[in-house]
mmCIF file of all heavy atoms, coordinates in Angstrom:
data_MODEL
# 
_entry.id   MODEL 
# 
loop_
_atom_site.group_PDB 
_atom_site.id 
_atom_site.type_symbol 
_atom_site.label_atom_id 
_atom_site.label_alt_id 
_atom_site.label_comp_id 
_atom_site.label_asym_id 
_atom_site.label_entity_id 
_atom_site.label_seq_id 
_atom_site.pdbx_PDB_ins_code 
_atom_site.Cartn_x 
_atom_site.Cartn_y 
_atom_site.Cartn_z 
_atom_site.occupancy 
_atom_site.B_iso_or_equiv 
_atom_site.pdbx_formal_charge 
_atom_site.auth_seq_id 
_atom_site.auth_comp_id 
_atom_site.auth_asym_id 
_atom_site.auth_atom_id 
_atom_site.pdbx_PDB_model_num 
ATOM 1   N N   . ASP A 1 1  ? 161.314 129.046 172.860 1.00 0.00 ? 1  ASP A N   1 
ATOM 2   C CA  . ASP A 1 1  ? 160.926 127.691 172.497 1.00 0.00 ? 1  ASP A CA  1 
ATOM 3   C C   . ASP A 1 1  ? 159.604 127.759 171.743 1.00 0.00 ? 1  ASP A C   1 
ATOM 4   O O   . ASP A 1 1  ? 158.902 128.788 171.759 1.00 0.00 ? 1  ASP A O   1 
ATOM 5   C CB  . ASP A 1 1  ? 160.779 126.841 173.761 1.00 0.00 ? 1  ASP A CB  1 
ATOM 6   C CG  . ASP A 1 1  ? 161.155 125.389 173.531 1.00 0.00 ? 1  ASP A CG  1 
ATOM 7   O OD1 . ASP A 1 1  ? 161.198 124.972 172.357 1.00 0.00 ? 1  ASP A OD1 1 
ATOM 8   O OD2 . ASP A 1 1  ? 161.410 124.676 174.514 1.00 0.00 ? 1  ASP A OD2 1 
ATOM 9   N N   . ARG A 1 2  ? 159.266 126.692 171.104 1.00 0.00 ? 2  ARG A N   1 
ATOM 10  C CA  . ARG A 1 2  ? 157.974 126.588 170.400 1.00 0.00 ? 2  ARG A CA  1 
ATOM 11  C C   . ARG A 1 2  ? 156.841 127.005 171.338 1.00 0.00 ? 2  ARG A C   1 
ATOM 12  O O   . ARG A 1 2  ? 156.698 126.483 172.444 1.00 0.00 ? 2  ARG A O   1 
ATOM 13  C CB  . ARG A 1 2  ? 157.788 125.141 169.956 1.00 0.00 ? 2  ARG A CB  1 
ATOM 14  C CG  . ARG A 1 2  ? 156.526 124.798 169.196 1.00 0.00 ? 2  ARG A CG  1 
ATOM 15  C CD  . ARG A 1 2  ? 156.623 123.322 168.888 1.00 0.00 ? 2  ARG A CD  1 
ATOM 16  N NE  . ARG A 1 2  ? 155.576 122.772 168.061 1.00 0.00 ? 2  ARG A NE  1 
ATOM 17  C CZ  . ARG A 1 2  ? 154.597 121.994 168.511 1.00 0.00 ? 2  ARG A CZ  1 
ATOM 18  N NH1 . ARG A 1 2  ? 154.495 121.701 169.803 1.00 0.00 ? 2  ARG A NH1 1 
ATOM 19  N NH2 . ARG A 1 2  ? 153.721 121.471 167.668 1.00 0.00 ? 2  ARG A NH2 1 
ATOM 20  N N   . GLY A 1 3  ? 156.030 127.975 170.920 1.00 0.00 ? 3  GLY A N   1 
ATOM 21  C CA  . GLY A 1 3  ? 154.909 128.444 171.718 1.00 0.00 ? 3  GLY A CA  1 
ATOM 22  C C   . GLY A 1 3  ? 155.211 129.644 172.593 1.00 0.00 ? 3  GLY A C   1 
ATOM 23  O O   . GLY A 1 3  ? 154.290 130.222 173.182 1.00 0.00 ? 3  GLY A O   1 
ATOM 24  N N   . GLU A 1 4  ? 156.473 130.045 172.680 1.00 0.00 ? 4  GLU A N   1 
ATOM 25  C CA  . GLU A 1 4  ? 156.839 131.185 173.522 1.00 0.00 ? 4  GLU A CA  1 
ATOM 26  C C   . GLU A 1 4  ? 156.932 132.458 172.681 1.00 0.00 ? 4  GLU A C   1 
ATOM 27  O O   . GLU A 1 4  ? 157.184 132.406 171.476 1.00 0.00 ? 4  GLU A O   1 
ATOM 28  C CB  . GLU A 1 4  ? 158.167 130.929 174.226 1.00 0.00 ? 4  GLU A CB  1 
ATOM 29  C CG  . GLU A 1 4  ? 158.104 129.777 175.214 1.00 0.00 ? 4  GLU A CG  1 
ATOM 30  C CD  . GLU A 1 4  ? 159.412 129.531 175.939 1.00 0.00 ? 4  GLU A CD  1 
ATOM 31  O OE1 . GLU A 1 4  ? 160.487 129.836 175.357 1.00 0.00 ? 4  GLU A OE1 1 
ATOM 32  O OE2 . GLU A 1 4  ? 159.372 129.036 177.071 1.00 0.00 ? 4  GLU A OE2 1 
ATOM 33  N N   . SER A 1 5  ? 156.748 133.606 173.347 1.00 0.00 ? 5  SER A N   1 
ATOM 34  C CA  . SER A 1 5  ? 156.724 134.884 172.649 1.00 0.00 ? 5  SER A CA  1 
ATOM 35  C C   . SER A 1 5  ? 157.606 135.910 173.342 1.00 0.00 ? 5  SER A C   1 
ATOM 36  O O   . SER A 1 5  ? 157.846 135.832 174.560 1.00 0.00 ? 5  SER A O   1 
ATOM 37  C CB  . SER A 1 5  ? 155.299 135.448 172.574 1.00 0.00 ? 5  SER A CB  1 
ATOM 38  O OG  . SER A 1 5  ? 154.448 134.622 171.817 1.00 0.00 ? 5  SER A OG  1 
ATOM 39  N N   . TYR A 1 6  ? 158.042 136.871 172.557 1.00 0.00 ? 6  TYR A N   1 
ATOM 40  C CA  . TYR A 1 6  ? 158.685 138.074 173.054 1.00 0.00 ? 6  TYR A CA  1 
ATOM 41  C C   . TYR A 1 6  ? 157.873 139.250 172.537 1.00 0.00 ? 6  TYR A C   1 
ATOM 42  O O   . TYR A 1 6  ? 157.457 139.262 171.372 1.00 0.00 ? 6  TYR A O   1 
ATOM 43  C CB  . TYR A 1 6  ? 160.120 138.189 172.538 1.00 0.00 ? 6  TYR A CB  1 
ATOM 44  C CG  . TYR A 1 6  ? 160.698 139.579 172.725 1.00 0.00 ? 6  TYR A CG  1 
ATOM 45  C CD1 . TYR A 1 6  ? 161.293 139.944 173.926 1.00 0.00 ? 6  TYR A CD1 1 
ATOM 46  C CD2 . TYR A 1 6  ? 160.613 140.537 171.704 1.00 0.00 ? 6  TYR A CD2 1 
ATOM 47  C CE1 . TYR A 1 6  ? 161.791 141.230 174.109 1.00 0.00 ? 6  TYR A CE1 1 
ATOM 48  C CE2 . TYR A 1 6  ? 161.115 141.820 171.887 1.00 0.00 ? 6  TYR A CE2 1 
ATOM 49  C CZ  . TYR A 1 6  ? 161.698 142.149 173.085 1.00 0.00 ? 6  TYR A CZ  1 
ATOM 50  O OH  . TYR A 1 6  ? 162.191 143.431 173.277 1.00 0.00 ? 6  TYR A OH  1 
ATOM 51  N N   . ALA A 1 7  ? 157.634 140.240 173.389 1.00 0.00 ? 7  ALA A N   1 
ATOM 52  C CA  . ALA A 1 7  ? 156.880 141.409 172.942 1.00 0.00 ? 7  ALA A CA  1 
ATOM 53  C C   . ALA A 1 7  ? 157.388 142.653 173.651 1.00 0.00 ? 7  ALA A C   1 
ATOM 54  O O   . ALA A 1 7  ? 157.773 142.611 174.829 1.00 0.00 ? 7  ALA A O   1 
ATOM 55  C CB  . ALA A 1 7  ? 155.385 141.224 173.209 1.00 0.00 ? 7  ALA A CB  1 
ATOM 56  N N   . ASP A 1 8  ? 157.411 143.753 172.916 1.00 0.00 ? 8  ASP A N   1 
ATOM 57  C CA  . ASP A 1 8  ? 157.660 145.057 173.503 1.00 0.00 ? 8  ASP A CA  1 
ATOM 58  C C   . ASP A 1 8  ? 156.740 146.040 172.784 1.00 0.00 ? 8  ASP A C   1 
ATOM 59  O O   . ASP A 1 8  ? 155.739 145.632 172.199 1.00 0.00 ? 8  ASP A O   1 
ATOM 60  C CB  . ASP A 1 8  ? 159.148 145.451 173.408 1.00 0.00 ? 8  ASP A CB  1 
ATOM 61  C CG  . ASP A 1 8  ? 159.678 145.489 171.970 1.00 0.00 ? 8  ASP A CG  1 
ATOM 62  O OD1 . ASP A 1 8  ? 158.866 145.624 171.031 1.00 0.00 ? 8  ASP A OD1 1 
ATOM 63  O OD2 . ASP A 1 8  ? 160.906 145.378 171.795 1.00 0.00 ? 8  ASP A OD2 1 
ATOM 64  N N   . GLY A 1 9  ? 157.047 147.300 172.811 1.00 0.00 ? 9  GLY A N   1 
ATOM 65  C CA  . GLY A 1 9  ? 156.145 148.268 172.200 1.00 0.00 ? 9  GLY A CA  1 
ATOM 66  C C   . GLY A 1 9  ? 156.185 148.314 170.696 1.00 0.00 ? 9  GLY A C   1 
ATOM 67  O O   . GLY A 1 9  ? 155.350 148.976 170.066 1.00 0.00 ? 9  GLY A O   1 
ATOM 68  N N   . ARG A 1 10 ? 157.144 147.593 170.094 1.00 0.00 ? 10 ARG A N   1 
ATOM 69  C CA  . ARG A 1 10 ? 157.288 147.648 168.639 1.00 0.00 ? 10 ARG A CA  1 
ATOM 70  C C   . ARG A 1 10 ? 156.925 146.338 167.943 1.00 0.00 ? 10 ARG A C   1 
ATOM 71  O O   . ARG A 1 10 ? 156.353 146.350 166.854 1.00 0.00 ? 10 ARG A O   1 
ATOM 72  C CB  . ARG A 1 10 ? 158.725 148.029 168.270 1.00 0.00 ? 10 ARG A CB  1 
ATOM 73  C CG  . ARG A 1 10 ? 159.113 149.461 168.607 1.00 0.00 ? 10 ARG A CG  1 
ATOM 74  C CD  . ARG A 1 10 ? 160.524 149.778 168.182 1.00 0.00 ? 10 ARG A CD  1 
ATOM 75  N NE  . ARG A 1 10 ? 161.502 149.138 169.047 1.00 0.00 ? 10 ARG A NE  1 
ATOM 76  C CZ  . ARG A 1 10 ? 162.160 149.756 170.031 1.00 0.00 ? 10 ARG A CZ  1 
ATOM 77  N NH1 . ARG A 1 10 ? 161.929 151.036 170.274 1.00 0.00 ? 10 ARG A NH1 1 
ATOM 78  N NH2 . ARG A 1 10 ? 163.042 149.104 170.764 1.00 0.00 ? 10 ARG A NH2 1 
ATOM 79  N N   . VAL A 1 11 ? 157.308 145.218 168.537 1.00 0.00 ? 11 VAL A N   1 
ATOM 80  C CA  . VAL A 1 11 ? 157.112 143.925 167.873 1.00 0.00 ? 11 VAL A CA  1 
ATOM 81  C C   . VAL A 1 11 ? 156.587 142.885 168.847 1.00 0.00 ? 11 VAL A C   1 
ATOM 82  O O   . VAL A 1 11 ? 156.785 142.992 170.060 1.00 0.00 ? 11 VAL A O   1 
ATOM 83  C CB  . VAL A 1 11 ? 158.433 143.392 167.250 1.00 0.00 ? 11 VAL A CB  1 
ATOM 84  C CG1 . VAL A 1 11 ? 159.030 144.387 166.269 1.00 0.00 ? 11 VAL A CG1 1 
ATOM 85  C CG2 . VAL A 1 11 ? 159.426 143.009 168.316 1.00 0.00 ? 11 VAL A CG2 1 
ATOM 86  N N   . GLN A 1 12 ? 155.923 141.887 168.284 1.00 0.00 ? 12 GLN A N   1 
ATOM 87  C CA  . GLN A 1 12 ? 155.640 140.653 169.018 1.00 0.00 ? 12 GLN A CA  1 
ATOM 88  C C   . GLN A 1 12 ? 156.143 139.508 168.152 1.00 0.00 ? 12 GLN A C   1 
ATOM 89  O O   . GLN A 1 12 ? 155.741 139.376 166.992 1.00 0.00 ? 12 GLN A O   1 
ATOM 90  C CB  . GLN A 1 12 ? 154.153 140.481 169.291 1.00 0.00 ? 12 GLN A CB  1 
ATOM 91  C CG  . GLN A 1 12 ? 153.844 139.134 169.970 1.00 0.00 ? 12 GLN A CG  1 
ATOM 92  C CD  . GLN A 1 12 ? 152.384 138.991 170.350 1.00 0.00 ? 12 GLN A CD  1 
ATOM 93  O OE1 . GLN A 1 12 ? 151.832 139.813 171.070 1.00 0.00 ? 12 GLN A OE1 1 
ATOM 94  N NE2 . GLN A 1 12 ? 151.751 137.950 169.830 1.00 0.00 ? 12 GLN A NE2 1 
ATOM 95  N N   . VAL A 1 13 ? 157.052 138.713 168.706 1.00 0.00 ? 13 VAL A N   1 
ATOM 96  C CA  . VAL A 1 13 ? 157.629 137.585 167.990 1.00 0.00 ? 13 VAL A CA  1 
ATOM 97  C C   . VAL A 1 13 ? 157.231 136.307 168.711 1.00 0.00 ? 13 VAL A C   1 
ATOM 98  O O   . VAL A 1 13 ? 157.505 136.157 169.905 1.00 0.00 ? 13 VAL A O   1 
ATOM 99  C CB  . VAL A 1 13 ? 159.166 137.694 167.912 1.00 0.00 ? 13 VAL A CB  1 
ATOM 100 C CG1 . VAL A 1 13 ? 159.741 136.476 167.201 1.00 0.00 ? 13 VAL A CG1 1 
ATOM 101 C CG2 . VAL A 1 13 ? 159.579 138.975 167.208 1.00 0.00 ? 13 VAL A CG2 1 
ATOM 102 N N   . THR A 1 14 ? 156.586 135.396 167.994 1.00 0.00 ? 14 THR A N   1 
ATOM 103 C CA  . THR A 1 14 ? 156.175 134.114 168.566 1.00 0.00 ? 14 THR A CA  1 
ATOM 104 C C   . THR A 1 14 ? 156.877 132.997 167.811 1.00 0.00 ? 14 THR A C   1 
ATOM 105 O O   . THR A 1 14 ? 156.903 132.994 166.573 1.00 0.00 ? 14 THR A O   1 
ATOM 106 C CB  . THR A 1 14 ? 154.653 133.927 168.471 1.00 0.00 ? 14 THR A CB  1 
ATOM 107 O OG1 . THR A 1 14 ? 154.009 135.000 169.169 1.00 0.00 ? 14 THR A OG1 1 
ATOM 108 C CG2 . THR A 1 14 ? 154.231 132.600 169.093 1.00 0.00 ? 14 THR A CG2 1 
ATOM 109 N N   . ALA A 1 15 ? 157.448 132.074 168.560 1.00 0.00 ? 15 ALA A N   1 
ATOM 110 C CA  . ALA A 1 15 ? 158.133 130.931 167.957 1.00 0.00 ? 15 ALA A CA  1 
ATOM 111 C C   . ALA A 1 15 ? 157.142 129.799 167.710 1.00 0.00 ? 15 ALA A C   1 
ATOM 112 O O   . ALA A 1 15 ? 156.365 129.435 168.596 1.00 0.00 ? 15 ALA A O   1 
ATOM 113 C CB  . ALA A 1 15 ? 159.258 130.451 168.863 1.00 0.00 ? 15 ALA A CB  1 
ATOM 114 N N   . PHE A 1 16 ? 157.191 129.250 166.517 1.00 0.00 ? 16 PHE A N   1 
ATOM 115 C CA  . PHE A 1 16 ? 156.440 128.051 166.181 1.00 0.00 ? 16 PHE A CA  1 
ATOM 116 C C   . PHE A 1 16 ? 157.431 126.943 165.829 1.00 0.00 ? 16 PHE A C   1 
ATOM 117 O O   . PHE A 1 16 ? 158.640 127.110 165.938 1.00 0.00 ? 16 PHE A O   1 
ATOM 118 C CB  . PHE A 1 16 ? 155.457 128.342 165.044 1.00 0.00 ? 16 PHE A CB  1 
ATOM 119 C CG  . PHE A 1 16 ? 154.286 129.159 165.493 1.00 0.00 ? 16 PHE A CG  1 
ATOM 120 C CD1 . PHE A 1 16 ? 154.314 130.549 165.422 1.00 0.00 ? 16 PHE A CD1 1 
ATOM 121 C CD2 . PHE A 1 16 ? 153.170 128.554 166.049 1.00 0.00 ? 16 PHE A CD2 1 
ATOM 122 C CE1 . PHE A 1 16 ? 153.244 131.307 165.874 1.00 0.00 ? 16 PHE A CE1 1 
ATOM 123 C CE2 . PHE A 1 16 ? 152.090 129.300 166.512 1.00 0.00 ? 16 PHE A CE2 1 
ATOM 124 C CZ  . PHE A 1 16 ? 152.128 130.695 166.418 1.00 0.00 ? 16 PHE A CZ  1 
ATOM 125 N N   . GLY A 1 17 ? 156.932 125.816 165.440 1.00 0.00 ? 17 GLY A N   1 
ATOM 126 C CA  . GLY A 1 17 ? 157.793 124.657 165.281 1.00 0.00 ? 17 GLY A CA  1 
ATOM 127 C C   . GLY A 1 17 ? 158.549 124.633 163.964 1.00 0.00 ? 17 GLY A C   1 
ATOM 128 O O   . GLY A 1 17 ? 158.390 125.488 163.094 1.00 0.00 ? 17 GLY A O   1 
ATOM 129 N N   . SER A 1 18 ? 159.387 123.613 163.843 1.00 0.00 ? 18 SER A N   1 
ATOM 130 C CA  . SER A 1 18 ? 160.133 123.356 162.627 1.00 0.00 ? 18 SER A CA  1 
ATOM 131 C C   . SER A 1 18 ? 160.141 121.855 162.389 1.00 0.00 ? 18 SER A C   1 
ATOM 132 O O   . SER A 1 18 ? 159.912 121.073 163.317 1.00 0.00 ? 18 SER A O   1 
ATOM 133 C CB  . SER A 1 18 ? 161.566 123.877 162.757 1.00 0.00 ? 18 SER A CB  1 
ATOM 134 O OG  . SER A 1 18 ? 162.323 123.568 161.601 1.00 0.00 ? 18 SER A OG  1 
ATOM 135 N N   . THR A 1 19 ? 160.405 121.469 161.159 1.00 0.00 ? 19 THR A N   1 
ATOM 136 C CA  . THR A 1 19 ? 160.584 120.047 160.862 1.00 0.00 ? 19 THR A CA  1 
ATOM 137 C C   . THR A 1 19 ? 162.066 119.739 160.662 1.00 0.00 ? 19 THR A C   1 
ATOM 138 O O   . THR A 1 19 ? 162.430 118.699 160.118 1.00 0.00 ? 19 THR A O   1 
ATOM 139 C CB  . THR A 1 19 ? 159.776 119.650 159.612 1.00 0.00 ? 19 THR A CB  1 
ATOM 140 O OG1 . THR A 1 19 ? 159.906 120.673 158.622 1.00 0.00 ? 19 THR A OG1 1 
ATOM 141 C CG2 . THR A 1 19 ? 158.308 119.473 159.962 1.00 0.00 ? 19 THR A CG2 1 
ATOM 142 N N   . ASP A 1 20 ? 162.892 120.669 161.113 1.00 0.00 ? 20 ASP A N   1 
ATOM 143 C CA  . ASP A 1 20 ? 164.335 120.487 161.160 1.00 0.00 ? 20 ASP A CA  1 
ATOM 144 C C   . ASP A 1 20 ? 164.784 121.086 162.490 1.00 0.00 ? 20 ASP A C   1 
ATOM 145 O O   . ASP A 1 20 ? 164.055 121.012 163.467 1.00 0.00 ? 20 ASP A O   1 
ATOM 146 C CB  . ASP A 1 20 ? 165.004 121.160 159.958 1.00 0.00 ? 20 ASP A CB  1 
ATOM 147 C CG  . ASP A 1 20 ? 166.385 120.596 159.647 1.00 0.00 ? 20 ASP A CG  1 
ATOM 148 O OD1 . ASP A 1 20 ? 167.037 120.100 160.582 1.00 0.00 ? 20 ASP A OD1 1 
ATOM 149 O OD2 . ASP A 1 20 ? 166.821 120.657 158.492 1.00 0.00 ? 20 ASP A OD2 1 
ATOM 150 N N   . LEU A 1 21 ? 165.923 121.706 162.547 1.00 0.00 ? 21 LEU A N   1 
ATOM 151 C CA  . LEU A 1 21 ? 166.361 122.346 163.781 1.00 0.00 ? 21 LEU A CA  1 
ATOM 152 C C   . LEU A 1 21 ? 165.582 123.630 164.027 1.00 0.00 ? 21 LEU A C   1 
ATOM 153 O O   . LEU A 1 21 ? 165.017 124.228 163.126 1.00 0.00 ? 21 LEU A O   1 
ATOM 154 C CB  . LEU A 1 21 ? 167.857 122.679 163.708 1.00 0.00 ? 21 LEU A CB  1 
ATOM 155 C CG  . LEU A 1 21 ? 168.850 121.517 163.663 1.00 0.00 ? 21 LEU A CG  1 
ATOM 156 C CD1 . LEU A 1 21 ? 170.276 122.052 163.664 1.00 0.00 ? 21 LEU A CD1 1 
ATOM 157 C CD2 . LEU A 1 21 ? 168.638 120.567 164.829 1.00 0.00 ? 21 LEU A CD2 1 
ATOM 158 N N   . GLY A 1 22 ? 165.589 124.059 165.302 1.00 0.00 ? 22 GLY A N   1 
ATOM 159 C CA  . GLY A 1 22 ? 165.128 125.379 165.653 1.00 0.00 ? 22 GLY A CA  1 
ATOM 160 C C   . GLY A 1 22 ? 163.635 125.595 165.564 1.00 0.00 ? 22 GLY A C   1 
ATOM 161 O O   . GLY A 1 22 ? 162.836 124.705 165.846 1.00 0.00 ? 22 GLY A O   1 
ATOM 162 N N   . VAL A 1 23 ? 163.276 126.808 165.138 1.00 0.00 ? 23 VAL A N   1 
ATOM 163 C CA  . VAL A 1 23 ? 161.887 127.243 165.159 1.00 0.00 ? 23 VAL A CA  1 
ATOM 164 C C   . VAL A 1 23 ? 161.583 128.028 163.882 1.00 0.00 ? 23 VAL A C   1 
ATOM 165 O O   . VAL A 1 23 ? 162.461 128.331 163.084 1.00 0.00 ? 23 VAL A O   1 
ATOM 166 C CB  . VAL A 1 23 ? 161.608 128.153 166.381 1.00 0.00 ? 23 VAL A CB  1 
ATOM 167 C CG1 . VAL A 1 23 ? 161.783 127.382 167.690 1.00 0.00 ? 23 VAL A CG1 1 
ATOM 168 C CG2 . VAL A 1 23 ? 162.494 129.406 166.370 1.00 0.00 ? 23 VAL A CG2 1 
ATOM 169 N N   . SER A 1 24 ? 160.323 128.344 163.723 1.00 0.00 ? 24 SER A N   1 
ATOM 170 C CA  . SER A 1 24 ? 159.864 129.339 162.760 1.00 0.00 ? 24 SER A CA  1 
ATOM 171 C C   . SER A 1 24 ? 159.314 130.510 163.573 1.00 0.00 ? 24 SER A C   1 
ATOM 172 O O   . SER A 1 24 ? 159.091 130.384 164.775 1.00 0.00 ? 24 SER A O   1 
ATOM 173 C CB  . SER A 1 24 ? 158.783 128.750 161.845 1.00 0.00 ? 24 SER A CB  1 
ATOM 174 O OG  . SER A 1 24 ? 157.760 128.131 162.610 1.00 0.00 ? 24 SER A OG  1 
ATOM 175 N N   . TYR A 1 25 ? 159.106 131.657 162.923 1.00 0.00 ? 25 TYR A N   1 
ATOM 176 C CA  . TYR A 1 25 ? 158.685 132.849 163.660 1.00 0.00 ? 25 TYR A CA  1 
ATOM 177 C C   . TYR A 1 25 ? 157.493 133.538 163.014 1.00 0.00 ? 25 TYR A C   1 
ATOM 178 O O   . TYR A 1 25 ? 157.477 133.768 161.798 1.00 0.00 ? 25 TYR A O   1 
ATOM 179 C CB  . TYR A 1 25 ? 159.809 133.876 163.713 1.00 0.00 ? 25 TYR A CB  1 
ATOM 180 C CG  . TYR A 1 25 ? 160.994 133.495 164.588 1.00 0.00 ? 25 TYR A CG  1 
ATOM 181 C CD1 . TYR A 1 25 ? 162.246 133.310 164.012 1.00 0.00 ? 25 TYR A CD1 1 
ATOM 182 C CD2 . TYR A 1 25 ? 160.869 133.359 165.962 1.00 0.00 ? 25 TYR A CD2 1 
ATOM 183 C CE1 . TYR A 1 25 ? 163.347 132.988 164.792 1.00 0.00 ? 25 TYR A CE1 1 
ATOM 184 C CE2 . TYR A 1 25 ? 161.961 133.032 166.749 1.00 0.00 ? 25 TYR A CE2 1 
ATOM 185 C CZ  . TYR A 1 25 ? 163.196 132.846 166.166 1.00 0.00 ? 25 TYR A CZ  1 
ATOM 186 O OH  . TYR A 1 25 ? 164.287 132.523 166.953 1.00 0.00 ? 25 TYR A OH  1 
ATOM 187 N N   . GLU A 1 26 ? 156.514 133.893 163.861 1.00 0.00 ? 26 GLU A N   1 
ATOM 188 C CA  . GLU A 1 26 ? 155.512 134.874 163.469 1.00 0.00 ? 26 GLU A CA  1 
ATOM 189 C C   . GLU A 1 26 ? 155.934 136.209 164.057 1.00 0.00 ? 26 GLU A C   1 
ATOM 190 O O   . GLU A 1 26 ? 156.231 136.309 165.246 1.00 0.00 ? 26 GLU A O   1 
ATOM 191 C CB  . GLU A 1 26 ? 154.121 134.500 163.989 1.00 0.00 ? 26 GLU A CB  1 
ATOM 192 C CG  . GLU A 1 26 ? 153.057 135.525 163.584 1.00 0.00 ? 26 GLU A CG  1 
ATOM 193 C CD  . GLU A 1 26 ? 151.781 135.425 164.396 1.00 0.00 ? 26 GLU A CD  1 
ATOM 194 O OE1 . GLU A 1 26 ? 151.853 135.157 165.612 1.00 0.00 ? 26 GLU A OE1 1 
ATOM 195 O OE2 . GLU A 1 26 ? 150.698 135.643 163.811 1.00 0.00 ? 26 GLU A OE2 1 
ATOM 196 N N   . ILE A 1 27 ? 155.971 137.231 163.217 1.00 0.00 ? 27 ILE A N   1 
ATOM 197 C CA  . ILE A 1 27 ? 156.363 138.577 163.634 1.00 0.00 ? 27 ILE A CA  1 
ATOM 198 C C   . ILE A 1 27 ? 155.165 139.489 163.406 1.00 0.00 ? 27 ILE A C   1 
ATOM 199 O O   . ILE A 1 27 ? 154.710 139.669 162.271 1.00 0.00 ? 27 ILE A O   1 
ATOM 200 C CB  . ILE A 1 27 ? 157.555 139.088 162.806 1.00 0.00 ? 27 ILE A CB  1 
ATOM 201 C CG1 . ILE A 1 27 ? 158.724 138.090 162.861 1.00 0.00 ? 27 ILE A CG1 1 
ATOM 202 C CG2 . ILE A 1 27 ? 157.998 140.463 163.283 1.00 0.00 ? 27 ILE A CG2 1 
ATOM 203 C CD1 . ILE A 1 27 ? 159.721 138.265 161.724 1.00 0.00 ? 27 ILE A CD1 1 
ATOM 204 N N   . VAL A 1 28 ? 154.644 140.056 164.476 1.00 0.00 ? 28 VAL A N   1 
ATOM 205 C CA  . VAL A 1 28 ? 153.525 140.989 164.367 1.00 0.00 ? 28 VAL A CA  1 
ATOM 206 C C   . VAL A 1 28 ? 154.048 142.380 164.681 1.00 0.00 ? 28 VAL A C   1 
ATOM 207 O O   . VAL A 1 28 ? 154.580 142.636 165.765 1.00 0.00 ? 28 VAL A O   1 
ATOM 208 C CB  . VAL A 1 28 ? 152.381 140.615 165.328 1.00 0.00 ? 28 VAL A CB  1 
ATOM 209 C CG1 . VAL A 1 28 ? 151.247 141.633 165.231 1.00 0.00 ? 28 VAL A CG1 1 
ATOM 210 C CG2 . VAL A 1 28 ? 151.857 139.214 165.022 1.00 0.00 ? 28 VAL A CG2 1 
ATOM 211 N N   . THR A 1 29 ? 153.940 143.262 163.707 1.00 0.00 ? 29 THR A N   1 
ATOM 212 C CA  . THR A 1 29 ? 154.438 144.627 163.879 1.00 0.00 ? 29 THR A CA  1 
ATOM 213 C C   . THR A 1 29 ? 153.736 145.547 162.898 1.00 0.00 ? 29 THR A C   1 
ATOM 214 O O   . THR A 1 29 ? 153.346 145.116 161.805 1.00 0.00 ? 29 THR A O   1 
ATOM 215 C CB  . THR A 1 29 ? 155.966 144.681 163.680 1.00 0.00 ? 29 THR A CB  1 
ATOM 216 O OG1 . THR A 1 29 ? 156.456 145.992 163.982 1.00 0.00 ? 29 THR A OG1 1 
ATOM 217 C CG2 . THR A 1 29 ? 156.370 144.307 162.259 1.00 0.00 ? 29 THR A CG2 1 
# 
């Protein structure tokens, strides 16, 4: 959901908002 993240040893993915369906993503790797 917006504001939630997934992280492991390779990537960190954080969901941000959208002005339509779903989310946008920041990917740190």
